[in-house]
């Protein structure tokens, strides 16, 4: 708590979603799934970029440029790719017909990890 308003953020929930994705292995699984679609030498980890696109949607963003809100929270969130980088990663995936199957497998693996930790929700898939 501060009296001067410095160091405050309304994005702590956003950080929690990122940490959850990392903790259940979703970010790493997305990285493995997306990497074959990416050109060699990409700077930002493709899984982290995809995680941050999803987190942007969770945070209320409605297009790629909204990822800039996360970029503005570097002290809280660390490095976040630009909206242009996010576009490139999605374009890379769109050009790879096998990417959907790999991304689906990544999602399933993360979901299985979460269920193993906290139990499967009633009626969940």
C-alpha atoms as a PDB file:
ATOM      1  CA  UNK A   1       0.000   0.000   0.000  1.00  0.00           C
ATOM      2  CA  UNK A   2       1.362   3.402  -0.891  1.00  0.00           C
ATOM      3  CA  UNK A   3       0.120   6.889  -0.274  1.00  0.00           C
ATOM      4  CA  UNK A   4       1.617   8.404  -3.404  1.00  0.00           C
ATOM      5  CA  UNK A   5      -0.044   6.056  -5.920  1.00  0.00           C
ATOM      6  CA  UNK A   6       3.261   4.896  -7.388  1.00  0.00           C
ATOM      7  CA  UNK A   7       3.789   1.234  -8.108  1.00  0.00           C
ATOM      8  CA  UNK A   8       0.077   0.452  -8.225  1.00  0.00           C
ATOM      9  CA  UNK A   9      -1.616  -1.562 -10.935  1.00  0.00           C
ATOM     10  CA  UNK A  10      -5.051  -2.767 -11.836  1.00  0.00           C
ATOM     11  CA  UNK A  11      -3.509  -5.715 -13.642  1.00  0.00           C
ATOM     12  CA  UNK A  12      -2.650  -8.078 -10.780  1.00  0.00           C
ATOM     13  CA  UNK A  13      -5.353 -10.495 -11.984  1.00  0.00           C
ATOM     14  CA  UNK A  14      -3.735 -10.442 -15.399  1.00  0.00           C
ATOM     15  CA  UNK A  15      -0.454 -11.493 -13.837  1.00  0.00           C
ATOM     16  CA  UNK A  16      -2.248 -14.340 -12.054  1.00  0.00           C
ATOM     17  CA  UNK A  17      -3.624 -15.681 -15.351  1.00  0.00           C
ATOM     18  CA  UNK A  18      -0.117 -15.610 -16.876  1.00  0.00           C
ATOM     19  CA  UNK A  19       1.309 -17.405 -13.849  1.00  0.00           C
ATOM     20  CA  UNK A  20      -1.417 -20.043 -14.012  1.00  0.00           C
ATOM     21  CA  UNK A  21      -0.695 -20.672 -17.705  1.00  0.00           C
ATOM     22  CA  UNK A  22       2.993 -21.029 -16.901  1.00  0.00           C
ATOM     23  CA  UNK A  23       2.355 -23.166 -13.811  1.00  0.00           C
ATOM     24  CA  UNK A  24       0.182 -25.774 -15.527  1.00  0.00           C
ATOM     25  CA  UNK A  25       2.603 -26.023 -18.428  1.00  0.00           C
ATOM     26  CA  UNK A  26       0.401 -24.306 -20.998  1.00  0.00           C
ATOM     27  CA  UNK A  27       3.020 -21.768 -22.040  1.00  0.00           C
ATOM     28  CA  UNK A  28       5.691 -24.432 -22.522  1.00  0.00           C
ATOM     29  CA  UNK A  29       3.265 -26.679 -24.402  1.00  0.00           C
ATOM     30  CA  UNK A  30       2.219 -23.793 -26.668  1.00  0.00           C
ATOM     31  CA  UNK A  31       5.891 -23.086 -27.321  1.00  0.00           C
ATOM     32  CA  UNK A  32       6.521 -26.651 -28.419  1.00  0.00           C
ATOM     33  CA  UNK A  33       3.370 -26.640 -30.550  1.00  0.00           C
ATOM     34  CA  UNK A  34       4.036 -23.291 -32.243  1.00  0.00           C
ATOM     35  CA  UNK A  35       7.799 -23.502 -32.763  1.00  0.00           C
ATOM     36  CA  UNK A  36       7.617 -25.711 -35.904  1.00  0.00           C
ATOM     37  CA  UNK A  37       5.494 -22.994 -37.562  1.00  0.00           C
ATOM     38  CA  UNK A  38       7.923 -20.181 -36.771  1.00  0.00           C
ATOM     39  CA  UNK A  39      10.893 -19.073 -38.829  1.00  0.00           C
ATOM     40  CA  UNK A  40      14.317 -19.659 -37.303  1.00  0.00           C
ATOM     41  CA  UNK A  41      15.623 -16.976 -34.996  1.00  0.00           C
ATOM     42  CA  UNK A  42      12.397 -15.610 -33.536  1.00  0.00           C
ATOM     43  CA  UNK A  43      13.164 -13.392 -30.538  1.00  0.00           C
ATOM     44  CA  UNK A  44      10.056 -13.853 -28.403  1.00  0.00           C
ATOM     45  CA  UNK A  45       9.138 -17.364 -27.316  1.00  0.00           C
ATOM     46  CA  UNK A  46       6.094 -18.287 -29.440  1.00  0.00           C
ATOM     47  CA  UNK A  47       4.286 -19.889 -26.506  1.00  0.00           C
ATOM     48  CA  UNK A  48       4.695 -16.759 -24.411  1.00  0.00           C
ATOM     49  CA  UNK A  49       3.380 -14.660 -27.288  1.00  0.00           C
ATOM     50  CA  UNK A  50       0.309 -16.887 -27.643  1.00  0.00           C
ATOM     51  CA  UNK A  51      -0.198 -16.900 -23.865  1.00  0.00           C
ATOM     52  CA  UNK A  52      -0.118 -13.112 -23.863  1.00  0.00           C
ATOM     53  CA  UNK A  53      -2.615 -12.910 -26.737  1.00  0.00           C
ATOM     54  CA  UNK A  54      -5.003 -15.028 -24.653  1.00  0.00           C
ATOM     55  CA  UNK A  55      -4.286 -12.983 -21.526  1.00  0.00           C
ATOM     56  CA  UNK A  56      -5.046  -9.835 -23.534  1.00  0.00           C
ATOM     57  CA  UNK A  57      -8.489 -11.260 -24.335  1.00  0.00           C
ATOM     58  CA  UNK A  58      -9.024 -12.207 -20.671  1.00  0.00           C
ATOM     59  CA  UNK A  59      -8.057  -8.632 -19.761  1.00  0.00           C
ATOM     60  CA  UNK A  60     -10.788  -7.266 -22.029  1.00  0.00           C
ATOM     61  CA  UNK A  61      -8.809  -6.569 -25.195  1.00  0.00           C
ATOM     62  CA  UNK A  62     -10.593  -7.101 -28.462  1.00  0.00           C
ATOM     63  CA  UNK A  63      -7.759  -6.986 -30.981  1.00  0.00           C
ATOM     64  CA  UNK A  64      -4.012  -7.485 -31.247  1.00  0.00           C
ATOM     65  CA  UNK A  65      -3.189  -3.869 -30.468  1.00  0.00           C
ATOM     66  CA  UNK A  66      -4.598  -4.371 -26.948  1.00  0.00           C
ATOM     67  CA  UNK A  67      -1.495  -6.403 -26.109  1.00  0.00           C
ATOM     68  CA  UNK A  68       0.204  -3.012 -25.734  1.00  0.00           C
ATOM     69  CA  UNK A  69      -1.636  -2.665 -22.405  1.00  0.00           C
ATOM     70  CA  UNK A  70       0.336  -5.658 -21.133  1.00  0.00           C
ATOM     71  CA  UNK A  71       3.556  -4.197 -22.561  1.00  0.00           C
ATOM     72  CA  UNK A  72       2.908  -1.116 -20.444  1.00  0.00           C
ATOM     73  CA  UNK A  73       3.105  -3.260 -17.303  1.00  0.00           C
ATOM     74  CA  UNK A  74       6.715  -4.418 -17.702  1.00  0.00           C
ATOM     75  CA  UNK A  75       7.480  -4.105 -13.978  1.00  0.00           C
ATOM     76  CA  UNK A  76       4.641  -6.505 -13.215  1.00  0.00           C
ATOM     77  CA  UNK A  77       4.645  -8.778 -16.260  1.00  0.00           C
ATOM     78  CA  UNK A  78       8.139  -8.626 -17.692  1.00  0.00           C
ATOM     79  CA  UNK A  79       8.713  -8.705 -21.442  1.00  0.00           C
ATOM     80  CA  UNK A  80       5.636  -8.796 -23.677  1.00  0.00           C
ATOM     81  CA  UNK A  81       5.869  -8.975 -27.457  1.00  0.00           C
ATOM     82  CA  UNK A  82       4.481  -6.195 -29.636  1.00  0.00           C
ATOM     83  CA  UNK A  83       1.186  -6.448 -31.464  1.00  0.00           C
ATOM     84  CA  UNK A  84       3.141  -6.885 -34.718  1.00  0.00           C
ATOM     85  CA  UNK A  85       4.952  -9.889 -33.255  1.00  0.00           C
ATOM     86  CA  UNK A  86       1.645 -11.356 -32.081  1.00  0.00           C
ATOM     87  CA  UNK A  87       0.249 -10.957 -35.601  1.00  0.00           C
ATOM     88  CA  UNK A  88       3.305 -12.672 -37.078  1.00  0.00           C
ATOM     89  CA  UNK A  89       3.034 -15.655 -34.728  1.00  0.00           C
ATOM     90  CA  UNK A  90      -0.646 -16.139 -35.546  1.00  0.00           C
ATOM     91  CA  UNK A  91       0.107 -15.767 -39.265  1.00  0.00           C
ATOM     92  CA  UNK A  92       2.848 -18.392 -38.899  1.00  0.00           C
ATOM     93  CA  UNK A  93       0.327 -20.778 -37.352  1.00  0.00           C
ATOM     94  CA  UNK A  94      -2.290 -20.036 -40.014  1.00  0.00           C
ATOM     95  CA  UNK A  95       0.196 -21.094 -42.678  1.00  0.00           C
ATOM     96  CA  UNK A  96       0.817 -24.486 -41.060  1.00  0.00           C
ATOM     97  CA  UNK A  97      -1.995 -26.982 -41.510  1.00  0.00           C
ATOM     98  CA  UNK A  98      -0.700 -29.160 -38.659  1.00  0.00           C
ATOM     99  CA  UNK A  99      -0.612 -26.329 -36.098  1.00  0.00           C
ATOM    100  CA  UNK A 100      -4.227 -26.787 -34.982  1.00  0.00           C
ATOM    101  CA  UNK A 101      -3.611 -30.405 -33.956  1.00  0.00           C
ATOM    102  CA  UNK A 102      -0.416 -29.432 -32.100  1.00  0.00           C
ATOM    103  CA  UNK A 103      -2.148 -26.516 -30.321  1.00  0.00           C
ATOM    104  CA  UNK A 104      -5.058 -28.766 -29.364  1.00  0.00           C
ATOM    105  CA  UNK A 105      -2.634 -31.308 -27.906  1.00  0.00           C
ATOM    106  CA  UNK A 106      -0.934 -28.486 -25.950  1.00  0.00           C
ATOM    107  CA  UNK A 107      -4.265 -27.356 -24.533  1.00  0.00           C
ATOM    108  CA  UNK A 108      -5.193 -30.916 -23.573  1.00  0.00           C
ATOM    109  CA  UNK A 109      -1.856 -31.470 -21.833  1.00  0.00           C
ATOM    110  CA  UNK A 110      -2.229 -28.275 -19.794  1.00  0.00           C
ATOM    111  CA  UNK A 111      -5.806 -29.155 -18.882  1.00  0.00           C
ATOM    112  CA  UNK A 112      -4.686 -32.624 -17.758  1.00  0.00           C
ATOM    113  CA  UNK A 113      -1.969 -31.011 -15.649  1.00  0.00           C
ATOM    114  CA  UNK A 114      -4.486 -28.687 -13.996  1.00  0.00           C
ATOM    115  CA  UNK A 115      -6.887 -31.554 -13.299  1.00  0.00           C
ATOM    116  CA  UNK A 116      -4.073 -33.604 -11.795  1.00  0.00           C
ATOM    117  CA  UNK A 117      -3.292 -30.757  -9.412  1.00  0.00           C
ATOM    118  CA  UNK A 118      -6.771 -29.562  -8.469  1.00  0.00           C
ATOM    119  CA  UNK A 119      -9.175 -32.244  -9.639  1.00  0.00           C
ATOM    120  CA  UNK A 120     -11.468 -32.442 -12.616  1.00  0.00           C
ATOM    121  CA  UNK A 121     -14.482 -30.140 -12.445  1.00  0.00           C
ATOM    122  CA  UNK A 122     -17.880 -31.825 -12.355  1.00  0.00           C
ATOM    123  CA  UNK A 123     -19.298 -32.153 -15.837  1.00  0.00           C
ATOM    124  CA  UNK A 124     -16.124 -30.758 -17.423  1.00  0.00           C
ATOM    125  CA  UNK A 125     -14.604 -31.992 -20.655  1.00  0.00           C
END
